[in-house]
Amino acid sequence: MLGESEFNIRLLEHNFRVLVESPTQWSEGGMGRASLMDQTIRLNDRMPSDARASTLLHELMHLVSEIFSLGLTETQVDALGLSVLSLIRNNTELIRDLAEQ
């Protein structure tokens, strides 16, 4: 999925279109960008897959913060995104079990 140029993610009853593209249209040198209004997440296509995964989770944490009006700082978003990525990567069986519930 992360290797595709476009895919969809559902988060808290919202459907987001994820676009893997060149950032020159939205932020030169940027890694990712998310918009609740447009229901999009944009990821830099020049990043390696591990950076793309952590950036996707980072952008998802920004959206969670916006949906719940949490006002998370960039540092808090980074910490949450990296923590969720670690949880997923280190507990694949648990993640499968949770998804099946």
N, C-alpha and C. Protein backbone atom coordinates (compact mmCIF):
# COMPACT_ATOMS: atom_id res chain seq x y z
N MET A 1 0.82 -1.19 0.00
CA MET A 1 0.00 0.00 0.00
C MET A 1 0.88 1.26 0.00
N LEU A 2 1.88 1.33 0.87
CA LEU A 2 2.74 2.52 0.92
C LEU A 2 3.56 2.72 -0.35
N GLY A 3 3.69 1.66 -1.14
CA GLY A 3 4.42 1.77 -2.39
C GLY A 3 3.56 2.26 -3.54
N GLU A 4 2.26 2.37 -3.32
CA GLU A 4 1.34 2.84 -4.35
C GLU A 4 1.32 4.36 -4.40
N SER A 5 0.89 4.91 -5.52
CA SER A 5 0.85 6.36 -5.64
C SER A 5 -0.42 6.96 -5.03
N GLU A 6 -1.43 6.12 -4.79
CA GLU A 6 -2.65 6.60 -4.17
C GLU A 6 -3.37 5.43 -3.50
N PHE A 7 -3.89 5.65 -2.29
CA PHE A 7 -4.70 4.66 -1.61
C PHE A 7 -5.58 5.38 -0.59
N ASN A 8 -6.48 4.66 0.03
CA ASN A 8 -7.42 5.24 0.98
C ASN A 8 -7.21 4.70 2.38
N ILE A 9 -7.47 5.56 3.36
CA ILE A 9 -7.41 5.19 4.77
C ILE A 9 -8.68 5.70 5.44
N ARG A 10 -9.23 4.88 6.31
CA ARG A 10 -10.39 5.30 7.10
C ARG A 10 -9.92 5.54 8.53
N LEU A 11 -10.22 6.73 9.06
CA LEU A 11 -9.81 7.12 10.41
C LEU A 11 -10.98 7.83 11.09
N LEU A 12 -11.49 7.24 12.17
CA LEU A 12 -12.55 7.88 12.97
C LEU A 12 -13.71 8.37 12.10
N GLU A 13 -14.24 7.49 11.28
CA GLU A 13 -15.38 7.78 10.41
C GLU A 13 -15.08 8.77 9.29
N HIS A 14 -13.82 9.05 9.05
CA HIS A 14 -13.40 9.90 7.94
C HIS A 14 -12.66 9.04 6.92
N ASN A 15 -12.89 9.29 5.66
CA ASN A 15 -12.17 8.60 4.58
C ASN A 15 -11.15 9.56 4.00
N PHE A 16 -9.89 9.18 4.09
CA PHE A 16 -8.81 10.03 3.58
C PHE A 16 -8.19 9.39 2.35
N ARG A 17 -7.90 10.23 1.38
CA ARG A 17 -7.16 9.81 0.19
C ARG A 17 -5.69 10.11 0.45
N VAL A 18 -4.86 9.11 0.35
CA VAL A 18 -3.41 9.28 0.55
C VAL A 18 -2.77 9.35 -0.82
N LEU A 19 -2.04 10.44 -1.04
CA LEU A 19 -1.35 10.66 -2.30
C LEU A 19 0.15 10.65 -2.06
N VAL A 20 0.86 9.81 -2.78
CA VAL A 20 2.32 9.76 -2.70
C VAL A 20 2.81 10.48 -3.95
N GLU A 21 3.41 11.66 -3.72
CA GLU A 21 3.71 12.55 -4.85
C GLU A 21 4.91 13.43 -4.54
N SER A 22 5.33 14.16 -5.56
CA SER A 22 6.41 15.13 -5.39
C SER A 22 5.89 16.31 -4.57
N PRO A 23 6.65 16.75 -3.57
CA PRO A 23 6.16 17.83 -2.71
C PRO A 23 6.30 19.22 -3.31
N THR A 24 6.78 19.35 -4.52
CA THR A 24 7.02 20.69 -5.07
C THR A 24 5.75 21.51 -5.15
N GLN A 25 4.59 20.86 -5.24
CA GLN A 25 3.34 21.60 -5.32
C GLN A 25 2.88 22.10 -3.96
N TRP A 26 3.31 21.48 -2.86
CA TRP A 26 2.78 21.85 -1.55
C TRP A 26 3.82 22.24 -0.53
N SER A 27 5.04 21.79 -0.64
CA SER A 27 6.07 22.19 0.32
C SER A 27 7.42 21.66 -0.12
N GLU A 28 8.22 22.51 -0.68
CA GLU A 28 9.54 22.09 -1.14
C GLU A 28 10.32 21.48 0.02
N GLY A 29 10.72 20.24 -0.14
CA GLY A 29 11.49 19.56 0.90
C GLY A 29 10.64 18.97 2.01
N GLY A 30 9.31 19.12 1.93
CA GLY A 30 8.43 18.59 2.96
C GLY A 30 8.35 17.08 2.91
N MET A 31 7.99 16.49 4.03
CA MET A 31 7.85 15.03 4.10
C MET A 31 6.40 14.59 3.98
N GLY A 32 5.49 15.38 4.54
CA GLY A 32 4.08 15.02 4.47
C GLY A 32 3.20 16.20 4.83
N ARG A 33 1.94 16.04 4.52
CA ARG A 33 0.97 17.09 4.80
C ARG A 33 -0.41 16.44 4.87
N ALA A 34 -1.24 16.90 5.79
CA ALA A 34 -2.58 16.35 5.94
C ALA A 34 -3.59 17.48 5.99
N SER A 35 -4.78 17.22 5.44
CA SER A 35 -5.85 18.22 5.46
C SER A 35 -7.16 17.53 5.82
N LEU A 36 -7.71 17.91 6.96
CA LEU A 36 -9.01 17.40 7.35
C LEU A 36 -10.08 17.94 6.41
N MET A 37 -9.96 19.18 6.02
CA MET A 37 -10.95 19.81 5.14
C MET A 37 -11.02 19.10 3.79
N ASP A 38 -9.85 18.81 3.20
CA ASP A 38 -9.79 18.16 1.89
C ASP A 38 -9.84 16.63 1.98
N GLN A 39 -9.73 16.10 3.22
CA GLN A 39 -9.70 14.65 3.44
C GLN A 39 -8.55 14.00 2.67
N THR A 40 -7.37 14.66 2.72
CA THR A 40 -6.20 14.13 2.02
C THR A 40 -4.99 14.07 2.95
N ILE A 41 -4.12 13.13 2.63
CA ILE A 41 -2.80 13.04 3.23
C ILE A 41 -1.84 12.95 2.06
N ARG A 42 -0.82 13.79 2.07
CA ARG A 42 0.17 13.79 1.00
C ARG A 42 1.52 13.37 1.57
N LEU A 43 2.17 12.44 0.89
CA LEU A 43 3.47 11.94 1.31
C LEU A 43 4.48 12.16 0.19
N ASN A 44 5.68 12.54 0.57
CA ASN A 44 6.77 12.77 -0.38
C ASN A 44 7.18 11.45 -1.01
N ASP A 45 7.13 11.38 -2.33
CA ASP A 45 7.47 10.14 -3.03
C ASP A 45 8.98 9.86 -3.07
N ARG A 46 9.78 10.79 -2.62
CA ARG A 46 11.24 10.62 -2.64
C ARG A 46 11.78 9.97 -1.37
N MET A 47 10.91 9.74 -0.38
CA MET A 47 11.35 9.15 0.89
C MET A 47 11.44 7.64 0.78
N PRO A 48 12.38 7.03 1.50
CA PRO A 48 12.39 5.56 1.59
C PRO A 48 11.14 5.08 2.32
N SER A 49 10.80 3.81 2.16
CA SER A 49 9.54 3.28 2.70
C SER A 49 9.43 3.41 4.21
N ASP A 50 10.53 3.27 4.96
CA ASP A 50 10.44 3.39 6.42
C ASP A 50 10.12 4.83 6.83
N ALA A 51 10.69 5.80 6.13
CA ALA A 51 10.38 7.20 6.41
C ALA A 51 8.95 7.52 5.99
N ARG A 52 8.50 6.92 4.91
CA ARG A 52 7.13 7.14 4.45
C ARG A 52 6.13 6.61 5.48
N ALA A 53 6.43 5.46 6.08
CA ALA A 53 5.55 4.87 7.10
C ALA A 53 5.47 5.77 8.33
N SER A 54 6.61 6.25 8.81
CA SER A 54 6.58 7.10 10.00
C SER A 54 5.93 8.45 9.70
N THR A 55 6.12 8.95 8.49
CA THR A 55 5.48 10.21 8.11
C THR A 55 3.97 10.04 8.00
N LEU A 56 3.52 8.91 7.47
CA LEU A 56 2.08 8.66 7.40
C LEU A 56 1.47 8.67 8.80
N LEU A 57 2.09 7.98 9.75
CA LEU A 57 1.57 7.97 11.11
C LEU A 57 1.65 9.36 11.75
N HIS A 58 2.69 10.09 11.47
CA HIS A 58 2.82 11.46 11.96
C HIS A 58 1.63 12.30 11.46
N GLU A 59 1.33 12.21 10.19
CA GLU A 59 0.22 12.98 9.62
C GLU A 59 -1.12 12.52 10.19
N LEU A 60 -1.27 11.22 10.42
CA LEU A 60 -2.49 10.72 11.04
C LEU A 60 -2.67 11.27 12.46
N MET A 61 -1.57 11.41 13.19
CA MET A 61 -1.65 11.99 14.55
C MET A 61 -2.06 13.46 14.48
N HIS A 62 -1.58 14.18 13.46
CA HIS A 62 -2.05 15.57 13.27
C HIS A 62 -3.56 15.59 13.06
N LEU A 63 -4.07 14.66 12.26
CA LEU A 63 -5.51 14.61 12.00
C LEU A 63 -6.29 14.27 13.26
N VAL A 64 -5.79 13.32 14.05
CA VAL A 64 -6.45 12.98 15.32
C VAL A 64 -6.49 14.22 16.21
N SER A 65 -5.39 14.92 16.29
CA SER A 65 -5.33 16.13 17.10
C SER A 65 -6.35 17.16 16.62
N GLU A 66 -6.48 17.30 15.31
CA GLU A 66 -7.43 18.27 14.76
C GLU A 66 -8.88 17.82 14.98
N ILE A 67 -9.17 16.55 14.74
CA ILE A 67 -10.53 16.04 14.89
C ILE A 67 -11.03 16.23 16.33
N PHE A 68 -10.15 15.97 17.30
CA PHE A 68 -10.54 16.08 18.71
C PHE A 68 -10.18 17.42 19.34
N SER A 69 -9.70 18.35 18.53
CA SER A 69 -9.29 19.69 19.01
C SER A 69 -8.33 19.60 20.18
N LEU A 70 -7.30 18.76 20.03
CA LEU A 70 -6.33 18.54 21.10
C LEU A 70 -5.22 19.59 21.14
N GLY A 71 -4.93 20.17 20.01
CA GLY A 71 -3.86 21.17 19.96
C GLY A 71 -2.49 20.60 20.27
N LEU A 72 -2.22 19.37 19.79
CA LEU A 72 -0.92 18.75 20.05
C LEU A 72 0.20 19.53 19.37
N THR A 73 1.34 19.59 20.05
CA THR A 73 2.52 20.22 19.47
C THR A 73 3.17 19.26 18.48
N GLU A 74 4.09 19.80 17.70
CA GLU A 74 4.82 18.97 16.74
C GLU A 74 5.59 17.85 17.46
N THR A 75 6.16 18.16 18.61
CA THR A 75 6.89 17.16 19.40
C THR A 75 5.95 16.06 19.88
N GLN A 76 4.77 16.42 20.33
CA GLN A 76 3.79 15.43 20.78
C GLN A 76 3.32 14.56 19.62
N VAL A 77 3.09 15.17 18.47
CA VAL A 77 2.68 14.42 17.28
C VAL A 77 3.78 13.44 16.89
N ASP A 78 5.04 13.89 16.90
CA ASP A 78 6.17 13.02 16.60
C ASP A 78 6.22 11.83 17.55
N ALA A 79 6.10 12.10 18.84
CA ALA A 79 6.18 11.03 19.85
C ALA A 79 5.05 10.02 19.67
N LEU A 80 3.85 10.49 19.44
CA LEU A 80 2.72 9.58 19.25
C LEU A 80 2.86 8.77 17.96
N GLY A 81 3.23 9.41 16.89
CA GLY A 81 3.40 8.70 15.62
C GLY A 81 4.45 7.62 15.70
N LEU A 82 5.61 7.94 16.26
CA LEU A 82 6.68 6.95 16.40
C LEU A 82 6.29 5.84 17.35
N SER A 83 5.54 6.16 18.41
CA SER A 83 5.09 5.15 19.37
C SER A 83 4.11 4.18 18.73
N VAL A 84 3.17 4.70 17.96
CA VAL A 84 2.20 3.83 17.28
C VAL A 84 2.91 2.95 16.26
N LEU A 85 3.85 3.51 15.51
CA LEU A 85 4.61 2.72 14.56
C LEU A 85 5.37 1.60 15.26
N SER A 86 5.99 1.90 16.38
CA SER A 86 6.70 0.89 17.16
C SER A 86 5.75 -0.21 17.64
N LEU A 87 4.59 0.20 18.13
CA LEU A 87 3.58 -0.76 18.59
C LEU A 87 3.18 -1.69 17.46
N ILE A 88 2.91 -1.14 16.29
CA ILE A 88 2.49 -1.95 15.14
C ILE A 88 3.59 -2.91 14.71
N ARG A 89 4.80 -2.40 14.57
CA ARG A 89 5.91 -3.22 14.08
C ARG A 89 6.34 -4.31 15.06
N ASN A 90 6.21 -4.05 16.35
CA ASN A 90 6.69 -5.01 17.35
C ASN A 90 5.61 -5.93 17.89
N ASN A 91 4.37 -5.78 17.42
CA ASN A 91 3.27 -6.58 17.94
C ASN A 91 2.30 -6.95 16.83
N THR A 92 2.81 -7.52 15.75
CA THR A 92 1.97 -7.79 14.58
C THR A 92 0.83 -8.75 14.90
N GLU A 93 1.06 -9.74 15.75
CA GLU A 93 -0.01 -10.67 16.09
C GLU A 93 -1.12 -9.97 16.87
N LEU A 94 -0.75 -9.12 17.80
CA LEU A 94 -1.74 -8.35 18.55
C LEU A 94 -2.55 -7.45 17.62
N ILE A 95 -1.89 -6.80 16.68
CA ILE A 95 -2.56 -5.91 15.74
C ILE A 95 -3.56 -6.71 14.91
N ARG A 96 -3.16 -7.90 14.45
CA ARG A 96 -4.10 -8.76 13.70
C ARG A 96 -5.30 -9.13 14.57
N ASP A 97 -5.05 -9.50 15.82
CA ASP A 97 -6.15 -9.86 16.73
C ASP A 97 -7.09 -8.68 16.96
N LEU A 98 -6.53 -7.50 17.18
CA LEU A 98 -7.36 -6.31 17.38
C LEU A 98 -8.21 -6.00 16.15
N ALA A 99 -7.63 -6.17 14.96
CA ALA A 99 -8.34 -5.89 13.71
C ALA A 99 -9.51 -6.85 13.50
N GLU A 100 -9.38 -8.06 14.02
CA GLU A 100 -10.43 -9.07 13.85
C GLU A 100 -11.56 -8.92 14.86
N GLN A 101 -11.39 -8.14 15.90
CA GLN A 101 -12.43 -7.97 16.93
C GLN A 101 -13.56 -7.12 16.46
